[in-house]
Amino acid sequence: MKHLNILVVDDKKVIGDFFNLTMGYYGHHITVVHDLPGALEAVKHHQFDIVFMDMVMPGHDGVEVLKEIKTIAPGLAVVMMSGYSLDEKRHQASLLGAVDCLKKPFEVDDIRRVVKEAIGQEI
């Protein structure tokens, strides 16, 4: 099994901790940033297999940042996450190339399913 480089973008520390505990346990490398400008910097300077990004963060729109990420790394798999019911934003994200949108709270099995569907790898 290939170890993945996963970028997690969320302003809530608990989400980054969740990925570190669950995916890190399997040997995957997790990079956590807590703001959307940090996400853009990370994508510019590092190679990731998949990104999990919060759709709503203070002062920034995750869908707008998704556009920028797709400009920097068009083939990068991006999964949006949201604790809110944002059907219009989910639709926009899908049109911009997001591979899925996870509704918070989610389980480890949800992450496994999305990774398998998005990049074809079991974790």
PDB file of N, CA and C in Angstrom:
ATOM      1  N   MET A   1       0.845  -1.180   0.000  1.00  0.00           N
ATOM      2  CA  MET A   1       0.000   0.000   0.000  1.00  0.00           C
ATOM      3  C   MET A   1       0.889   1.241   0.000  1.00  0.00           C
ATOM      4  N   LYS A   2       0.600   2.134  -0.911  1.00  0.00           N
ATOM      5  CA  LYS A   2       1.325   3.403  -0.983  1.00  0.00           C
ATOM      6  C   LYS A   2       0.863   4.316   0.148  1.00  0.00           C
ATOM      7  N   HIS A   3       1.816   4.961   0.783  1.00  0.00           N
ATOM      8  CA  HIS A   3       1.470   5.931   1.814  1.00  0.00           C
ATOM      9  C   HIS A   3       1.116   7.240   1.127  1.00  0.00           C
ATOM     10  N   LEU A   4      -0.017   7.799   1.494  1.00  0.00           N
ATOM     11  CA  LEU A   4      -0.536   9.006   0.856  1.00  0.00           C
ATOM     12  C   LEU A   4      -0.044  10.268   1.548  1.00  0.00           C
ATOM     13  N   ASN A   5       0.068  11.323   0.769  1.00  0.00           N
ATOM     14  CA  ASN A   5       0.285  12.664   1.298  1.00  0.00           C
ATOM     15  C   ASN A   5      -1.070  13.358   1.267  1.00  0.00           C
ATOM     16  N   ILE A   6      -1.612  13.627   2.437  1.00  0.00           N
ATOM     17  CA  ILE A   6      -2.961  14.168   2.573  1.00  0.00           C
ATOM     18  C   ILE A   6      -2.877  15.562   3.176  1.00  0.00           C
ATOM     19  N   LEU A   7      -3.541  16.516   2.528  1.00  0.00           N
ATOM     20  CA  LEU A   7      -3.655  17.868   3.066  1.00  0.00           C
ATOM     21  C   LEU A   7      -5.044  18.024   3.662  1.00  0.00           C
ATOM     22  N   VAL A   8      -5.096  18.479   4.914  1.00  0.00           N
ATOM     23  CA  VAL A   8      -6.361  18.737   5.597  1.00  0.00           C
ATOM     24  C   VAL A   8      -6.418  20.228   5.896  1.00  0.00           C
ATOM     25  N   VAL A   9      -7.494  20.871   5.448  1.00  0.00           N
ATOM     26  CA  VAL A   9      -7.662  22.312   5.631  1.00  0.00           C
ATOM     27  C   VAL A   9      -8.938  22.541   6.430  1.00  0.00           C
ATOM     28  N   ASP A  10      -8.790  22.940   7.683  1.00  0.00           N
ATOM     29  CA  ASP A  10      -9.952  23.185   8.537  1.00  0.00           C
ATOM     30  C   ASP A  10      -9.533  24.090   9.681  1.00  0.00           C
ATOM     31  N   ASP A  11     -10.378  25.040  10.035  1.00  0.00           N
ATOM     32  CA  ASP A  11     -10.045  25.959  11.123  1.00  0.00           C
ATOM     33  C   ASP A  11     -10.228  25.322  12.497  1.00  0.00           C
ATOM     34  N   LYS A  12     -10.849  24.170  12.543  1.00  0.00           N
ATOM     35  CA  LYS A  12     -11.059  23.480  13.820  1.00  0.00           C
ATOM     36  C   LYS A  12      -9.968  22.424  14.022  1.00  0.00           C
ATOM     37  N   LYS A  13      -9.214  22.564  15.098  1.00  0.00           N
ATOM     38  CA  LYS A  13      -8.099  21.665  15.393  1.00  0.00           C
ATOM     39  C   LYS A  13      -8.548  20.206  15.474  1.00  0.00           C
ATOM     40  N   VAL A  14      -9.746  19.960  15.957  1.00  0.00           N
ATOM     41  CA  VAL A  14     -10.230  18.594  16.144  1.00  0.00           C
ATOM     42  C   VAL A  14     -10.274  17.817  14.818  1.00  0.00           C
ATOM     43  N   ILE A  15     -10.537  18.503  13.711  1.00  0.00           N
ATOM     44  CA  ILE A  15     -10.587  17.817  12.405  1.00  0.00           C
ATOM     45  C   ILE A  15      -9.188  17.359  12.009  1.00  0.00           C
ATOM     46  N   GLY A  16      -8.202  18.239  12.153  1.00  0.00           N
ATOM     47  CA  GLY A  16      -6.820  17.846  11.873  1.00  0.00           C
ATOM     48  C   GLY A  16      -6.370  16.711  12.768  1.00  0.00           C
ATOM     49  N   ASP A  17      -6.735  16.792  14.038  1.00  0.00           N
ATOM     50  CA  ASP A  17      -6.389  15.724  14.983  1.00  0.00           C
ATOM     51  C   ASP A  17      -7.022  14.396  14.565  1.00  0.00           C
ATOM     52  N   PHE A  18      -8.279  14.448  14.107  1.00  0.00           N
ATOM     53  CA  PHE A  18      -8.983  13.242  13.658  1.00  0.00           C
ATOM     54  C   PHE A  18      -8.217  12.574  12.512  1.00  0.00           C
ATOM     55  N   PHE A  19      -7.795  13.370  11.520  1.00  0.00           N
ATOM     56  CA  PHE A  19      -7.054  12.809  10.387  1.00  0.00           C
ATOM     57  C   PHE A  19      -5.700  12.274  10.843  1.00  0.00           C
ATOM     58  N   ASN A  20      -5.017  13.013  11.715  1.00  0.00           N
ATOM     59  CA  ASN A  20      -3.719  12.543  12.211  1.00  0.00           C
ATOM     60  C   ASN A  20      -3.846  11.218  12.941  1.00  0.00           C
ATOM     61  N   LEU A  21      -4.873  11.086  13.776  1.00  0.00           N
ATOM     62  CA  LEU A  21      -5.061   9.853  14.541  1.00  0.00           C
ATOM     63  C   LEU A  21      -5.501   8.686  13.665  1.00  0.00           C
ATOM     64  N   THR A  22      -6.390   8.939  12.732  1.00  0.00           N
ATOM     65  CA  THR A  22      -6.930   7.834  11.938  1.00  0.00           C
ATOM     66  C   THR A  22      -6.057   7.504  10.738  1.00  0.00           C
ATOM     67  N   MET A  23      -5.761   8.473   9.886  1.00  0.00           N
ATOM     68  CA  MET A  23      -4.974   8.206   8.689  1.00  0.00           C
ATOM     69  C   MET A  23      -3.487   8.097   9.007  1.00  0.00           C
ATOM     70  N   GLY A  24      -3.019   8.879   9.972  1.00  0.00           N
ATOM     71  CA  GLY A  24      -1.629   8.773  10.399  1.00  0.00           C
ATOM     72  C   GLY A  24      -1.314   7.394  10.957  1.00  0.00           C
ATOM     73  N   TYR A  25      -2.286   6.787  11.586  1.00  0.00           N
ATOM     74  CA  TYR A  25      -2.135   5.437  12.130  1.00  0.00           C
ATOM     75  C   TYR A  25      -1.741   4.447  11.042  1.00  0.00           C
ATOM     76  N   TYR A  26      -2.245   4.661   9.832  1.00  0.00           N
ATOM     77  CA  TYR A  26      -1.953   3.766   8.711  1.00  0.00           C
ATOM     78  C   TYR A  26      -0.671   4.160   7.978  1.00  0.00           C
ATOM     79  N   GLY A  27       0.048   5.151   8.503  1.00  0.00           N
ATOM     80  CA  GLY A  27       1.319   5.531   7.905  1.00  0.00           C
ATOM     81  C   GLY A  27       1.235   6.642   6.879  1.00  0.00           C
ATOM     82  N   HIS A  28       0.055   7.202   6.685  1.00  0.00           N
ATOM     83  CA  HIS A  28      -0.084   8.287   5.718  1.00  0.00           C
ATOM     84  C   HIS A  28       0.458   9.578   6.322  1.00  0.00           C
ATOM     85  N   HIS A  29       1.015  10.435   5.467  1.00  0.00           N
ATOM     86  CA  HIS A  29       1.558  11.713   5.920  1.00  0.00           C
ATOM     87  C   HIS A  29       0.452  12.760   5.854  1.00  0.00           C
ATOM     88  N   ILE A  30       0.141  13.355   6.990  1.00  0.00           N
ATOM     89  CA  ILE A  30      -0.945  14.330   7.083  1.00  0.00           C
ATOM     90  C   ILE A  30      -0.340  15.713   7.307  1.00  0.00           C
ATOM     91  N   THR A  31      -0.719  16.657   6.445  1.00  0.00           N
ATOM     92  CA  THR A  31      -0.364  18.060   6.635  1.00  0.00           C
ATOM     93  C   THR A  31      -1.651  18.786   6.962  1.00  0.00           C
ATOM     94  N   VAL A  32      -1.666  19.508   8.071  1.00  0.00           N
ATOM     95  CA  VAL A  32      -2.864  20.227   8.485  1.00  0.00           C
ATOM     96  C   VAL A  32      -2.576  21.724   8.441  1.00  0.00           C
ATOM     97  N   VAL A  33      -3.437  22.464   7.764  1.00  0.00           N
ATOM     98  CA  VAL A  33      -3.389  23.926   7.809  1.00  0.00           C
ATOM     99  C   VAL A  33      -4.753  24.413   8.275  1.00  0.00           C
ATOM    100  N   HIS A  34      -4.750  25.556   8.943  1.00  0.00           N
ATOM    101  CA  HIS A  34      -5.977  26.034   9.571  1.00  0.00           C
ATOM    102  C   HIS A  34      -6.606  27.234   8.888  1.00  0.00           C
ATOM    103  N   ASP A  35      -6.083  27.591   7.707  1.00  0.00           N
ATOM    104  CA  ASP A  35      -6.712  28.682   6.962  1.00  0.00           C
ATOM    105  C   ASP A  35      -6.548  28.435   5.462  1.00  0.00           C
ATOM    106  N   LEU A  36      -7.361  29.104   4.686  1.00  0.00           N
ATOM    107  CA  LEU A  36      -7.363  28.853   3.251  1.00  0.00           C
ATOM    108  C   LEU A  36      -6.138  29.427   2.543  1.00  0.00           C
ATOM    109  N   PRO A  37      -5.608  30.594   2.941  1.00  0.00           N
ATOM    110  CA  PRO A  37      -4.344  31.024   2.326  1.00  0.00           C
ATOM    111  C   PRO A  37      -3.217  30.012   2.566  1.00  0.00           C
ATOM    112  N   GLY A  38      -3.204  29.407   3.743  1.00  0.00           N
ATOM    113  CA  GLY A  38      -2.223  28.363   4.042  1.00  0.00           C
ATOM    114  C   GLY A  38      -2.380  27.156   3.130  1.00  0.00           C
ATOM    115  N   ALA A  39      -3.622  26.850   2.764  1.00  0.00           N
ATOM    116  CA  ALA A  39      -3.881  25.739   1.846  1.00  0.00           C
ATOM    117  C   ALA A  39      -3.254  26.014   0.486  1.00  0.00           C
ATOM    118  N   LEU A  40      -3.420  27.233  -0.001  1.00  0.00           N
ATOM    119  CA  LEU A  40      -2.839  27.587  -1.303  1.00  0.00           C
ATOM    120  C   LEU A  40      -1.317  27.486  -1.266  1.00  0.00           C
ATOM    121  N   GLU A  41      -0.717  27.969  -0.200  1.00  0.00           N
ATOM    122  CA  GLU A  41       0.743  27.882  -0.062  1.00  0.00           C
ATOM    123  C   GLU A  41       1.200  26.430  -0.032  1.00  0.00           C
ATOM    124  N   ALA A  42       0.491  25.600   0.706  1.00  0.00           N
ATOM    125  CA  ALA A  42       0.856  24.182   0.802  1.00  0.00           C
ATOM    126  C   ALA A  42       0.783  23.511  -0.564  1.00  0.00           C
ATOM    127  N   VAL A  43      -0.276  23.787  -1.319  1.00  0.00           N
ATOM    128  CA  VAL A  43      -0.445  23.165  -2.644  1.00  0.00           C
ATOM    129  C   VAL A  43       0.628  23.659  -3.607  1.00  0.00           C
ATOM    130  N   LYS A  44       1.025  24.907  -3.480  1.00  0.00           N
ATOM    131  CA  LYS A  44       2.080  25.446  -4.351  1.00  0.00           C
ATOM    132  C   LYS A  44       3.432  24.788  -4.087  1.00  0.00           C
ATOM    133  N   HIS A  45       3.703  24.416  -2.839  1.00  0.00           N
ATOM    134  CA  HIS A  45       5.042  23.991  -2.463  1.00  0.00           C
ATOM    135  C   HIS A  45       5.200  22.503  -2.164  1.00  0.00           C
ATOM    136  N   HIS A  46       4.107  21.759  -2.145  1.00  0.00           N
ATOM    137  CA  HIS A  46       4.187  20.339  -1.808  1.00  0.00           C
ATOM    138  C   HIS A  46       3.294  19.523  -2.751  1.00  0.00           C
ATOM    139  N   GLN A  47       3.620  18.259  -2.873  1.00  0.00           N
ATOM    140  CA  GLN A  47       2.854  17.335  -3.711  1.00  0.00           C
ATOM    141  C   GLN A  47       1.901  16.541  -2.808  1.00  0.00           C
ATOM    142  N   PHE A  48       0.611  16.655  -3.058  1.00  0.00           N
ATOM    143  CA  PHE A  48      -0.387  15.919  -2.286  1.00  0.00           C
ATOM    144  C   PHE A  48      -1.141  14.955  -3.194  1.00  0.00           C
ATOM    145  N   ASP A  49      -1.610  13.862  -2.587  1.00  0.00           N
ATOM    146  CA  ASP A  49      -2.446  12.914  -3.316  1.00  0.00           C
ATOM    147  C   ASP A  49      -3.913  13.316  -3.254  1.00  0.00           C
ATOM    148  N   ILE A  50      -4.305  13.919  -2.132  1.00  0.00           N
ATOM    149  CA  ILE A  50      -5.705  14.290  -1.934  1.00  0.00           C
ATOM    150  C   ILE A  50      -5.778  15.405  -0.887  1.00  0.00           C
ATOM    151  N   VAL A  51      -6.787  16.254  -1.039  1.00  0.00           N
ATOM    152  CA  VAL A  51      -7.016  17.362  -0.112  1.00  0.00           C
ATOM    153  C   VAL A  51      -8.418  17.228   0.467  1.00  0.00           C
ATOM    154  N   PHE A  52      -8.540  17.396   1.778  1.00  0.00           N
ATOM    155  CA  PHE A  52      -9.830  17.494   2.454  1.00  0.00           C
ATOM    156  C   PHE A  52      -9.934  18.922   2.965  1.00  0.00           C
ATOM    157  N   MET A  53     -10.900  19.696   2.441  1.00  0.00           N
ATOM    158  CA  MET A  53     -10.963  21.126   2.742  1.00  0.00           C
ATOM    159  C   MET A  53     -12.354  21.539   3.213  1.00  0.00           C
ATOM    160  N   ASP A  54     -12.370  22.270   4.333  1.00  0.00           N
ATOM    161  CA  ASP A  54     -13.615  22.810   4.861  1.00  0.00           C
ATOM    162  C   ASP A  54     -14.185  23.821   3.873  1.00  0.00           C
ATOM    163  N   MET A  55     -15.473  23.768   3.686  1.00  0.00           N
ATOM    164  CA  MET A  55     -16.135  24.648   2.731  1.00  0.00           C
ATOM    165  C   MET A  55     -16.359  26.048   3.297  1.00  0.00           C
ATOM    166  N   VAL A  56     -16.538  26.146   4.606  1.00  0.00           N
ATOM    167  CA  VAL A  56     -16.827  27.435   5.243  1.00  0.00           C
ATOM    168  C   VAL A  56     -15.798  27.676   6.343  1.00  0.00           C
ATOM    169  N   MET A  57     -14.982  28.721   6.141  1.00  0.00           N
ATOM    170  CA  MET A  57     -13.989  29.088   7.140  1.00  0.00           C
ATOM    171  C   MET A  57     -14.005  30.599   7.316  1.00  0.00           C
ATOM    172  N   PRO A  58     -13.616  31.081   8.486  1.00  0.00           N
ATOM    173  CA  PRO A  58     -13.677  32.521   8.745  1.00  0.00           C
ATOM    174  C   PRO A  58     -12.949  33.354   7.682  1.00  0.00           C
ATOM    175  N   GLY A  59     -13.689  34.262   7.070  1.00  0.00           N
ATOM    176  CA  GLY A  59     -13.109  35.203   6.130  1.00  0.00           C
ATOM    177  C   GLY A  59     -12.843  34.685   4.732  1.00  0.00           C
ATOM    178  N   HIS A  60     -13.112  33.408   4.482  1.00  0.00           N
ATOM    179  CA  HIS A  60     -12.812  32.848   3.169  1.00  0.00           C
ATOM    180  C   HIS A  60     -13.890  31.862   2.744  1.00  0.00           C
ATOM    181  N   ASP A  61     -14.028  31.737   1.447  1.00  0.00           N
ATOM    182  CA  ASP A  61     -14.979  30.811   0.841  1.00  0.00           C
ATOM    183  C   ASP A  61     -14.198  29.638   0.263  1.00  0.00           C
ATOM    184  N   GLY A  62     -14.436  28.454   0.784  1.00  0.00           N
ATOM    185  CA  GLY A  62     -13.726  27.269   0.322  1.00  0.00           C
ATOM    186  C   GLY A  62     -13.901  26.993  -1.154  1.00  0.00           C
ATOM    187  N   VAL A  63     -15.056  27.326  -1.704  1.00  0.00           N
ATOM    188  CA  VAL A  63     -15.299  27.095  -3.132  1.00  0.00           C
ATOM    189  C   VAL A  63     -14.391  27.998  -3.967  1.00  0.00           C
ATOM    190  N   GLU A  64     -14.200  29.238  -3.541  1.00  0.00           N
ATOM    191  CA  GLU A  64     -13.294  30.148  -4.251  1.00  0.00           C
ATOM    192  C   GLU A  64     -11.860  29.621  -4.192  1.00  0.00           C
ATOM    193  N   VAL A  65     -11.460  29.099  -3.042  1.00  0.00           N
ATOM    194  CA  VAL A  65     -10.115  28.548  -2.902  1.00  0.00           C
ATOM    195  C   VAL A  65      -9.976  27.274  -3.738  1.00  0.00           C
ATOM    196  N   LEU A  66     -11.040  26.493  -3.842  1.00  0.00           N
ATOM    197  CA  LEU A  66     -11.029  25.312  -4.708  1.00  0.00           C
ATOM    198  C   LEU A  66     -10.670  25.718  -6.140  1.00  0.00           C
ATOM    199  N   LYS A  67     -11.255  26.809  -6.627  1.00  0.00           N
ATOM    200  CA  LYS A  67     -10.933  27.317  -7.972  1.00  0.00           C
ATOM    201  C   LYS A  67      -9.442  27.556  -8.112  1.00  0.00           C
ATOM    202  N   GLU A  68      -8.865  28.208  -7.108  1.00  0.00           N
ATOM    203  CA  GLU A  68      -7.432  28.523  -7.148  1.00  0.00           C
ATOM    204  C   GLU A  68      -6.575  27.261  -7.072  1.00  0.00           C
ATOM    205  N   ILE A  69      -6.979  26.318  -6.232  1.00  0.00           N
ATOM    206  CA  ILE A  69      -6.230  25.055  -6.135  1.00  0.00           C
ATOM    207  C   ILE A  69      -6.250  24.335  -7.467  1.00  0.00           C
ATOM    208  N   LYS A  70      -7.382  24.313  -8.138  1.00  0.00           N
ATOM    209  CA  LYS A  70      -7.495  23.632  -9.422  1.00  0.00           C
ATOM    210  C   LYS A  70      -6.664  24.328 -10.498  1.00  0.00           C
ATOM    211  N   THR A  71      -6.411  25.618 -10.334  1.00  0.00           N
ATOM    212  CA  THR A  71      -5.520  26.331 -11.254  1.00  0.00           C
ATOM    213  C   THR A  71      -4.072  25.907 -11.016  1.00  0.00           C
ATOM    214  N   ILE A  72      -3.697  25.766  -9.757  1.00  0.00           N
ATOM    215  CA  ILE A  72      -2.335  25.382  -9.388  1.00  0.00           C
ATOM    216  C   ILE A  72      -2.074  23.909  -9.706  1.00  0.00           C
ATOM    217  N   ALA A  73      -3.018  23.049  -9.344  1.00  0.00           N
ATOM    218  CA  ALA A  73      -2.851  21.593  -9.489  1.00  0.00           C
ATOM    219  C   ALA A  73      -4.145  20.997 -10.042  1.00  0.00           C
ATOM    220  N   PRO A  74      -4.354  21.091 -11.355  1.00  0.00           N
ATOM    221  CA  PRO A  74      -5.640  20.680 -11.951  1.00  0.00           C
ATOM    222  C   PRO A  74      -6.057  19.239 -11.661  1.00  0.00           C
ATOM    223  N   GLY A  75      -5.096  18.334 -11.534  1.00  0.00           N
ATOM    224  CA  GLY A  75      -5.447  16.933 -11.337  1.00  0.00           C
ATOM    225  C   GLY A  75      -5.588  16.507  -9.888  1.00  0.00           C
ATOM    226  N   LEU A  76      -5.385  17.432  -8.964  1.00  0.00           N
ATOM    227  CA  LEU A  76      -5.420  17.098  -7.541  1.00  0.00           C
ATOM    228  C   LEU A  76      -6.855  16.803  -7.096  1.00  0.00           C
ATOM    229  N   ALA A  77      -7.034  15.675  -6.408  1.00  0.00           N
ATOM    230  CA  ALA A  77      -8.353  15.298  -5.879  1.00  0.00           C
ATOM    231  C   ALA A  77      -8.644  16.146  -4.644  1.00  0.00           C
ATOM    232  N   VAL A  78      -9.764  16.873  -4.671  1.00  0.00           N
ATOM    233  CA  VAL A  78     -10.160  17.720  -3.547  1.00  0.00           C
ATOM    234  C   VAL A  78     -11.530  17.283  -3.061  1.00  0.00           C
ATOM    235  N   VAL A  79     -11.626  17.023  -1.764  1.00  0.00           N
ATOM    236  CA  VAL A  79     -12.875  16.658  -1.119  1.00  0.00           C
ATOM    237  C   VAL A  79     -13.267  17.814  -0.210  1.00  0.00           C
ATOM    238  N   MET A  80     -14.444  18.354  -0.417  1.00  0.00           N
ATOM    239  CA  MET A  80     -14.930  19.437   0.425  1.00  0.00           C
ATOM    240  C   MET A  80     -15.600  18.823   1.660  1.00  0.00           C
ATOM    241  N   MET A  81     -15.562  19.565   2.771  1.00  0.00           N
ATOM    242  CA  MET A  81     -16.202  19.122   4.006  1.00  0.00           C
ATOM    243  C   MET A  81     -17.058  20.265   4.522  1.00  0.00           C
ATOM    244  N   SER A  82     -18.191  19.924   5.123  1.00  0.00           N
ATOM    245  CA  SER A  82     -19.043  20.970   5.685  1.00  0.00           C
ATOM    246  C   SER A  82     -19.913  20.422   6.800  1.00  0.00           C
ATOM    247  N   GLY A  83     -20.086  21.246   7.809  1.00  0.00           N
ATOM    248  CA  GLY A  83     -21.012  20.923   8.885  1.00  0.00           C
ATOM    249  C   GLY A  83     -22.379  21.533   8.641  1.00  0.00           C
ATOM    250  N   TYR A  84     -22.492  22.248   7.535  1.00  0.00           N
ATOM    251  CA  TYR A  84     -23.735  22.942   7.199  1.00  0.00           C
ATOM    252  C   TYR A  84     -24.372  22.307   5.979  1.00  0.00           C
ATOM    253  N   SER A  85     -25.648  22.581   5.799  1.00  0.00           N
ATOM    254  CA  SER A  85     -26.341  22.135   4.599  1.00  0.00           C
ATOM    255  C   SER A  85     -26.211  23.247   3.559  1.00  0.00           C
ATOM    256  N   LEU A  86     -25.301  23.072   2.650  1.00  0.00           N
ATOM    257  CA  LEU A  86     -24.996  24.104   1.667  1.00  0.00           C
ATOM    258  C   LEU A  86     -25.124  23.530   0.259  1.00  0.00           C
ATOM    259  N   ASP A  87     -26.332  23.202  -0.128  1.00  0.00           N
ATOM    260  CA  ASP A  87     -26.531  22.530  -1.407  1.00  0.00           C
ATOM    261  C   ASP A  87     -25.985  23.332  -2.589  1.00  0.00           C
ATOM    262  N   GLU A  88     -26.186  24.642  -2.595  1.00  0.00           N
ATOM    263  CA  GLU A  88     -25.698  25.468  -3.706  1.00  0.00           C
ATOM    264  C   GLU A  88     -24.170  25.445  -3.757  1.00  0.00           C
ATOM    265  N   LYS A  89     -23.538  25.573  -2.600  1.00  0.00           N
ATOM    266  CA  LYS A  89     -22.066  25.526  -2.547  1.00  0.00           C
ATOM    267  C   LYS A  89     -21.553  24.147  -2.963  1.00  0.00           C
ATOM    268  N   ARG A  90     -22.237  23.105  -2.544  1.00  0.00           N
ATOM    269  CA  ARG A  90     -21.836  21.753  -2.939  1.00  0.00           C
ATOM    270  C   ARG A  90     -21.916  21.601  -4.451  1.00  0.00           C
ATOM    271  N   HIS A  91     -22.975  22.142  -5.031  1.00  0.00           N
ATOM    272  CA  HIS A  91     -23.145  22.079  -6.481  1.00  0.00           C
ATOM    273  C   HIS A  91     -22.012  22.844  -7.174  1.00  0.00           C
ATOM    274  N   GLN A  92     -21.697  24.037  -6.689  1.00  0.00           N
ATOM    275  CA  GLN A  92     -20.596  24.828  -7.263  1.00  0.00           C
ATOM    276  C   GLN A  92     -19.286  24.067  -7.148  1.00  0.00           C
ATOM    277  N   ALA A  93     -19.036  23.491  -5.988  1.00  0.00           N
ATOM    278  CA  ALA A  93     -17.796  22.741  -5.769  1.00  0.00           C
ATOM    279  C   ALA A  93     -17.704  21.563  -6.731  1.00  0.00           C
ATOM    280  N   SER A  94     -18.807  20.882  -6.939  1.00  0.00           N
ATOM    281  CA  SER A  94     -18.838  19.755  -7.865  1.00  0.00           C
ATOM    282  C   SER A  94     -18.510  20.210  -9.286  1.00  0.00           C
ATOM    283  N   LEU A  95     -19.080  21.327  -9.697  1.00  0.00           N
ATOM    284  CA  LEU A  95     -18.809  21.852 -11.034  1.00  0.00           C
ATOM    285  C   LEU A  95     -17.346  22.248 -11.206  1.00  0.00           C
ATOM    286  N   LEU A  96     -16.714  22.661 -10.121  1.00  0.00           N
ATOM    287  CA  LEU A  96     -15.313  23.079 -10.173  1.00  0.00           C
ATOM    288  C   LEU A  96     -14.341  21.912 -10.033  1.00  0.00           C
ATOM    289  N   GLY A  97     -14.863  20.717  -9.850  1.00  0.00           N
ATOM    290  CA  GLY A  97     -14.002  19.547  -9.825  1.00  0.00           C
ATOM    291  C   GLY A  97     -13.803  18.879  -8.487  1.00  0.00           C
ATOM    292  N   ALA A  98     -14.525  19.299  -7.454  1.00  0.00           N
ATOM    293  CA  ALA A  98     -14.438  18.585  -6.180  1.00  0.00           C
ATOM    294  C   ALA A  98     -14.959  17.165  -6.395  1.00  0.00           C
ATOM    295  N   VAL A  99     -14.257  16.193  -5.840  1.00  0.00           N
ATOM    296  CA  VAL A  99     -14.653  14.805  -6.061  1.00  0.00           C
ATOM    297  C   VAL A  99     -15.792  14.359  -5.166  1.00  0.00           C
ATOM    298  N   ASP A 100     -15.997  15.067  -4.045  1.00  0.00           N
ATOM    299  CA  ASP A 100     -17.072  14.708  -3.129  1.00  0.00           C
ATOM    300  C   ASP A 100     -17.204  15.818  -2.094  1.00  0.00           C
ATOM    301  N   CYS A 101     -18.254  15.738  -1.302  1.00  0.00           N
ATOM    302  CA  CYS A 101     -18.428  16.658  -0.188  1.00  0.00           C
ATOM    303  C   CYS A 101     -18.907  15.840   1.008  1.00  0.00           C
ATOM    304  N   LEU A 102     -18.076  15.795   2.037  1.00  0.00           N
ATOM    305  CA  LEU A 102     -18.427  15.055   3.251  1.00  0.00           C
ATOM    306  C   LEU A 102     -19.173  15.969   4.210  1.00  0.00           C
ATOM    307  N   LYS A 103     -20.254  15.454   4.765  1.00  0.00           N
ATOM    308  CA  LYS A 103     -21.016  16.186   5.775  1.00  0.00           C
ATOM    309  C   LYS A 103     -20.440  15.836   7.138  1.00  0.00           C
ATOM    310  N   LYS A 104     -20.054  16.869   7.890  1.00  0.00           N
ATOM    311  CA  LYS A 104     -19.554  16.659   9.253  1.00  0.00           C
ATOM    312  C   LYS A 104     -20.725  16.411  10.180  1.00  0.00           C
ATOM    313  N   PRO A 105     -20.586  15.579  11.165  1.00  0.00           N
ATOM    314  CA  PRO A 105     -19.427  14.738  11.444  1.00  0.00           C
ATOM    315  C   PRO A 105     -19.408  13.525  10.524  1.00  0.00           C
ATOM    316  N   PHE A 106     -18.227  13.040  10.213  1.00  0.00           N
ATOM    317  CA  PHE A 106     -18.092  11.857   9.372  1.00  0.00           C
ATOM    318  C   PHE A 106     -17.239  10.833  10.098  1.00  0.00           C
ATOM    319  N   GLU A 107     -17.197   9.634   9.544  1.00  0.00           N
ATOM    320  CA  GLU A 107     -16.486   8.508  10.163  1.00  0.00           C
ATOM    321  C   GLU A 107     -15.270   8.128   9.321  1.00  0.00           C
ATOM    322  N   VAL A 108     -14.403   7.318   9.864  1.00  0.00           N
ATOM    323  CA  VAL A 108     -13.227   6.832   9.144  1.00  0.00           C
ATOM    324  C   VAL A 108     -13.652   6.119   7.866  1.00  0.00           C
ATOM    325  N   ASP A 109     -14.735   5.348   7.926  1.00  0.00           N
ATOM    326  CA  ASP A 109     -15.201   4.632   6.733  1.00  0.00           C
ATOM    327  C   ASP A 109     -15.588   5.593   5.613  1.00  0.00           C
ATOM    328  N   ASP A 110     -16.088   6.779   5.956  1.00  0.00           N
ATOM    329  CA  ASP A 110     -16.414   7.783   4.936  1.00  0.00           C
ATOM    330  C   ASP A 110     -15.141   8.242   4.226  1.00  0.00           C
ATOM    331  N   ILE A 111     -14.080   8.452   4.989  1.00  0.00           N
ATOM    332  CA  ILE A 111     -12.807   8.865   4.399  1.00  0.00           C
ATOM    333  C   ILE A 111     -12.270   7.754   3.504  1.00  0.00           C
ATOM    334  N   ARG A 112     -12.319   6.535   3.973  1.00  0.00           N
ATOM    335  CA  ARG A 112     -11.848   5.390   3.166  1.00  0.00           C
ATOM    336  C   ARG A 112     -12.601   5.318   1.841  1.00  0.00           C
ATOM    337  N   ARG A 113     -13.913   5.455   1.910  1.00  0.00           N
ATOM    338  CA  ARG A 113     -14.732   5.376   0.693  1.00  0.00           C
ATOM    339  C   ARG A 113     -14.343   6.477  -0.286  1.00  0.00           C
ATOM    340  N   VAL A 114     -14.216   7.693   0.215  1.00  0.00           N
ATOM    341  CA  VAL A 114     -13.901   8.830  -0.656  1.00  0.00           C
ATOM    342  C   VAL A 114     -12.523   8.663  -1.285  1.00  0.00           C
ATOM    343  N   VAL A 115     -11.535   8.231  -0.513  1.00  0.00           N
ATOM    344  CA  VAL A 115     -10.193   8.057  -1.049  1.00  0.00           C
ATOM    345  C   VAL A 115     -10.207   6.977  -2.129  1.00  0.00           C
ATOM    346  N   LYS A 116     -10.895   5.889  -1.880  1.00  0.00           N
ATOM    347  CA  LYS A 116     -10.964   4.812  -2.885  1.00  0.00           C
ATOM    348  C   LYS A 116     -11.633   5.307  -4.165  1.00  0.00           C
ATOM    349  N   GLU A 117     -12.740   6.047  -4.022  1.00  0.00           N
ATOM    350  CA  GLU A 117     -13.447   6.560  -5.191  1.00  0.00           C
ATOM    351  C   GLU A 117     -12.629   7.619  -5.929  1.00  0.00           C
ATOM    352  N   ALA A 118     -11.933   8.483  -5.169  1.00  0.00           N
ATOM    353  CA  ALA A 118     -11.237   9.616  -5.769  1.00  0.00           C
ATOM    354  C   ALA A 118      -9.916   9.236  -6.437  1.00  0.00           C
ATOM    355  N   ILE A 119      -9.129   8.385  -5.756  1.00  0.00           N
ATOM    356  CA  ILE A 119      -7.810   8.077  -6.309  1.00  0.00           C
ATOM    357  C   ILE A 119      -7.553   6.585  -6.456  1.00  0.00           C
ATOM    358  N   GLY A 120      -8.583   5.786  -6.185  1.00  0.00           N
ATOM    359  CA  GLY A 120      -8.492   4.348  -6.435  1.00  0.00           C
ATOM    360  C   GLY A 120      -7.582   3.594  -5.493  1.00  0.00           C
ATOM    361  N   GLN A 121      -7.395   4.093  -4.292  1.00  0.00           N
ATOM    362  CA  GLN A 121      -6.513   3.403  -3.349  1.00  0.00           C
ATOM    363  C   GLN A 121      -7.253   3.067  -2.063  1.00  0.00           C
ATOM    364  N   GLU A 122      -7.030   1.843  -1.616  1.00  0.00           N
ATOM    365  CA  GLU A 122      -7.549   1.422  -0.314  1.00  0.00           C
ATOM    366  C   GLU A 122      -6.673   2.009   0.779  1.00  0.00           C
ATOM    367  N   ILE A 123      -7.293   2.386   1.894  1.00  0.00           N
ATOM    368  CA  ILE A 123      -6.503   2.832   3.044  1.00  0.00           C
ATOM    369  C   ILE A 123      -6.958   2.094   4.287  1.00  0.00           C
TER     370      ILE A 123
END
